[in-house]
Amino acid sequence: MSLGDEIYEQFKKMLPIEMMVATVQEVDESNFTCTIAEDGEEDAPYYDVRLKPIIESGDNGVIPVPKIGSWVIAAKLGEDRRSIAVIVPGEIDKHIIKTDDVYVEVSDTVKLNGDSFGGVVKWPDAVQQLNILTARVDALYNALQNSSTAAQDGGATYKEAIVTILSAVTQKESFSNLENTKVKHG
């Protein structure tokens, strides 16, 4: 028996009637609710169980989203049998942190107000690649401005001077690995 199963069995024995240990059957993240069922009562689940007990704050708060199939400790809030909230999730699939202006989702990645803008830029790597690009552009500018010309050679001397100056610039910028895909924003 796993540690989680042992904790589950111990809580099941100790909890008063107002609390229950149940298994998560489904999660509705948009409404911050889930469906749970007690052992042996899978055909009579509790629907619209709140993922956060306090509703006065609206959708704002830190909301742990339990993993489907994991156990939770849920409590009846008040006299209404339908007013049930998850108090302790056994396993967490993700955390949602929501305020009026900010929405953060933390699981195997972190999403800040969505992920439509992709991953966050690794700034030190970006600066390094921009410095390489700047050096190449500066070398090109220098070659064009300072290369000598010769009369009546069709530009061969000018071209040779440019090629000589630019051949010293061997490092090329690479923007291929600048995105941190673990942190996304939108």
Protein backbone atom coordinates (compact mmCIF):
# COMPACT_ATOMS: atom_id res chain seq x y z
CA MET A 1 0.00 0.00 0.00
CA SER A 2 1.44 3.38 -0.98
CA LEU A 3 1.86 6.23 1.49
CA GLY A 4 -0.98 8.09 -0.24
CA ASP A 5 -3.27 5.07 0.16
CA GLU A 6 -2.33 4.76 3.83
CA ILE A 7 -3.09 8.45 4.45
CA TYR A 8 -6.35 8.02 2.57
CA GLU A 9 -7.41 5.06 4.74
CA GLN A 10 -6.44 6.81 7.99
CA PHE A 11 -8.35 10.00 7.13
CA LYS A 12 -11.34 7.98 6.03
CA LYS A 13 -11.50 6.40 9.50
CA MET A 14 -11.02 9.67 11.41
CA LEU A 15 -13.18 12.19 9.57
CA PRO A 16 -16.49 13.34 11.01
CA ILE A 17 -19.65 13.16 8.91
CA GLU A 18 -19.17 16.73 7.63
CA MET A 19 -15.99 15.66 5.80
CA MET A 20 -15.27 12.88 3.36
CA VAL A 21 -12.42 11.28 1.50
CA ALA A 22 -13.36 10.86 -2.14
CA THR A 23 -11.86 10.29 -5.57
CA VAL A 24 -11.82 12.99 -8.25
CA GLN A 25 -13.80 11.89 -11.32
CA GLU A 26 -13.57 15.07 -13.42
CA VAL A 27 -12.45 18.69 -13.14
CA ASP A 28 -14.05 21.83 -14.61
CA GLU A 29 -11.29 24.46 -14.53
CA SER A 30 -13.45 27.19 -16.03
CA ASN A 31 -15.83 27.04 -13.05
CA PHE A 32 -13.23 25.88 -10.50
CA THR A 33 -15.30 22.81 -9.63
CA CYS A 34 -14.91 19.06 -9.77
CA THR A 35 -16.96 15.89 -9.49
CA ILE A 36 -16.01 13.49 -6.70
CA ALA A 37 -17.26 10.14 -5.44
CA GLU A 38 -16.70 8.31 -2.19
CA ASP A 39 -15.37 4.72 -2.33
CA GLY A 40 -18.18 2.37 -3.22
CA GLU A 41 -20.41 5.31 -4.18
CA GLU A 42 -19.05 5.91 -7.69
CA ASP A 43 -22.60 5.81 -9.11
CA ALA A 44 -23.71 8.63 -6.78
CA PRO A 45 -21.06 11.33 -7.25
CA TYR A 46 -21.06 14.84 -5.86
CA TYR A 47 -21.18 17.38 -8.70
CA ASP A 48 -19.98 21.00 -8.67
CA VAL A 49 -17.66 20.51 -5.71
CA ARG A 50 -15.75 23.77 -5.33
CA LEU A 51 -11.98 23.76 -5.71
CA LYS A 52 -11.76 26.73 -3.34
CA PRO A 53 -13.94 26.98 -0.26
CA ILE A 54 -14.28 30.77 -0.14
CA ILE A 55 -16.42 32.18 -2.94
CA GLU A 56 -16.62 35.81 -1.79
CA SER A 57 -13.37 36.55 -3.65
CA GLY A 58 -14.94 35.48 -6.94
CA ASP A 59 -12.51 33.66 -9.17
CA ASN A 60 -9.47 35.33 -7.58
CA GLY A 61 -7.10 33.32 -5.44
CA VAL A 62 -4.71 30.39 -5.50
CA ILE A 63 -6.54 27.30 -6.67
CA PRO A 64 -4.95 23.85 -6.55
CA VAL A 65 -6.43 21.70 -9.34
CA PRO A 66 -6.52 18.04 -8.25
CA LYS A 67 -5.44 15.27 -10.57
CA ILE A 68 -8.29 13.14 -11.94
CA GLY A 69 -8.30 9.77 -10.19
CA SER A 70 -6.59 11.10 -7.06
CA TRP A 71 -8.20 11.34 -3.63
CA VAL A 72 -9.29 14.55 -1.94
CA ILE A 73 -10.63 15.50 1.45
CA ALA A 74 -13.83 17.45 0.93
CA ALA A 75 -16.03 19.20 3.47
CA LYS A 76 -19.68 20.10 3.58
CA LEU A 77 -19.96 23.86 4.06
CA GLY A 78 -23.03 24.76 6.07
CA GLU A 79 -26.29 22.85 6.05
CA ASP A 80 -26.65 22.62 2.27
CA ARG A 81 -25.54 19.14 1.19
CA ARG A 82 -24.76 20.53 -2.26
CA SER A 83 -22.28 23.07 -0.87
CA ILE A 84 -19.11 20.99 -0.76
CA ALA A 85 -15.51 22.13 -1.23
CA VAL A 86 -12.17 20.39 -1.61
CA ILE A 87 -10.14 21.06 1.53
CA VAL A 88 -7.03 18.94 0.78
CA PRO A 89 -6.14 17.51 -2.62
CA GLY A 90 -4.13 14.28 -2.60
CA GLU A 91 -2.33 14.96 -5.88
CA ILE A 92 -2.21 18.30 -7.66
CA ASP A 93 -2.27 18.51 -11.44
CA LYS A 94 -1.58 22.25 -11.45
CA HIS A 95 -2.00 25.48 -9.50
CA ILE A 96 -3.94 28.43 -10.86
CA ILE A 97 -3.21 31.87 -9.43
CA LYS A 98 -5.77 34.45 -10.46
CA THR A 99 -6.23 38.13 -9.69
CA ASP A 100 -8.24 40.76 -11.54
CA ASP A 101 -5.40 41.39 -14.02
CA VAL A 102 -3.14 38.33 -13.80
CA TYR A 103 -3.66 34.64 -14.56
CA VAL A 104 -0.81 32.24 -13.78
CA GLU A 105 -0.92 28.50 -14.38
CA VAL A 106 1.82 26.35 -12.83
CA SER A 107 2.26 22.69 -13.81
CA ASP A 108 5.19 21.28 -15.77
CA THR A 109 5.40 24.77 -17.31
CA VAL A 110 4.54 28.24 -16.06
CA LYS A 111 2.06 30.26 -18.10
CA LEU A 112 1.72 33.99 -17.42
CA ASN A 113 -1.56 35.34 -18.81
CA GLY A 114 -1.66 32.50 -21.35
CA ASP A 115 0.92 31.24 -23.81
CA SER A 116 0.11 33.06 -27.06
CA PHE A 117 3.47 34.91 -27.09
CA GLY A 118 5.46 31.69 -26.66
CA GLY A 119 8.32 31.19 -24.24
CA VAL A 120 10.10 33.92 -22.33
CA VAL A 121 13.36 35.08 -23.91
CA LYS A 122 16.58 34.00 -22.20
CA TRP A 123 17.89 37.56 -22.04
CA PRO A 124 21.63 36.92 -21.45
CA ASP A 125 21.69 34.61 -24.50
CA ALA A 126 19.76 37.17 -26.56
CA VAL A 127 22.23 39.94 -25.61
CA GLN A 128 25.16 37.70 -26.58
CA GLN A 129 23.64 36.99 -30.01
CA LEU A 130 22.71 40.64 -30.54
CA ASN A 131 26.33 41.63 -29.75
CA ILE A 132 27.54 39.17 -32.40
CA LEU A 133 25.08 40.63 -34.91
CA THR A 134 26.16 44.17 -34.01
CA ALA A 135 29.82 43.23 -34.57
CA ARG A 136 28.97 41.81 -38.01
CA VAL A 137 26.99 44.91 -39.03
CA ASP A 138 29.76 47.19 -37.71
CA ALA A 139 32.35 45.23 -39.71
CA LEU A 140 30.25 45.54 -42.85
CA TYR A 141 29.83 49.28 -42.30
CA ASN A 142 33.58 49.63 -41.66
CA ALA A 143 34.44 47.64 -44.78
CA LEU A 144 32.18 49.72 -46.99
CA GLN A 145 33.36 53.00 -45.52
CA ASN A 146 37.10 52.35 -45.31
CA SER A 147 37.96 50.13 -48.28
CA SER A 148 40.25 51.69 -50.83
CA THR A 149 39.48 52.04 -54.51
CA ALA A 150 41.72 52.12 -57.56
CA ALA A 151 41.10 53.85 -60.86
CA GLN A 152 40.23 51.83 -63.92
CA ASP A 153 40.08 48.35 -62.22
CA GLY A 154 36.29 47.88 -62.32
CA GLY A 155 36.06 47.82 -58.51
CA ALA A 156 38.36 44.80 -58.02
CA THR A 157 40.52 46.61 -55.44
CA TYR A 158 37.44 47.80 -53.53
CA LYS A 159 35.94 44.30 -53.53
CA GLU A 160 39.21 42.73 -52.36
CA ALA A 161 39.49 45.24 -49.49
CA ILE A 162 35.90 44.52 -48.39
CA VAL A 163 36.41 40.74 -48.52
CA THR A 164 39.64 41.07 -46.50
CA ILE A 165 37.97 43.13 -43.77
CA LEU A 166 34.85 40.91 -43.60
CA SER A 167 36.84 37.64 -43.53
CA ALA A 168 37.99 38.59 -40.03
CA VAL A 169 34.37 38.34 -38.83
CA THR A 170 33.92 34.59 -38.45
CA GLN A 171 31.27 34.30 -35.73
CA LYS A 172 27.65 34.30 -36.91
CA GLU A 173 24.71 35.01 -34.62
CA SER A 174 22.21 32.25 -33.80
CA PHE A 175 18.75 33.00 -32.48
CA SER A 176 17.66 29.36 -32.41
CA ASN A 177 17.89 28.65 -28.66
CA LEU A 178 16.72 31.86 -26.99
CA GLU A 179 13.28 30.73 -25.84
CA ASN A 180 12.64 29.25 -22.41
CA THR A 181 9.76 26.92 -23.22
CA LYS A 182 9.13 26.20 -19.51
CA VAL A 183 7.85 29.76 -18.94
CA LYS A 184 5.30 31.10 -21.42
CA HIS A 185 3.36 34.32 -21.56
CA GLY A 186 0.44 35.75 -23.45
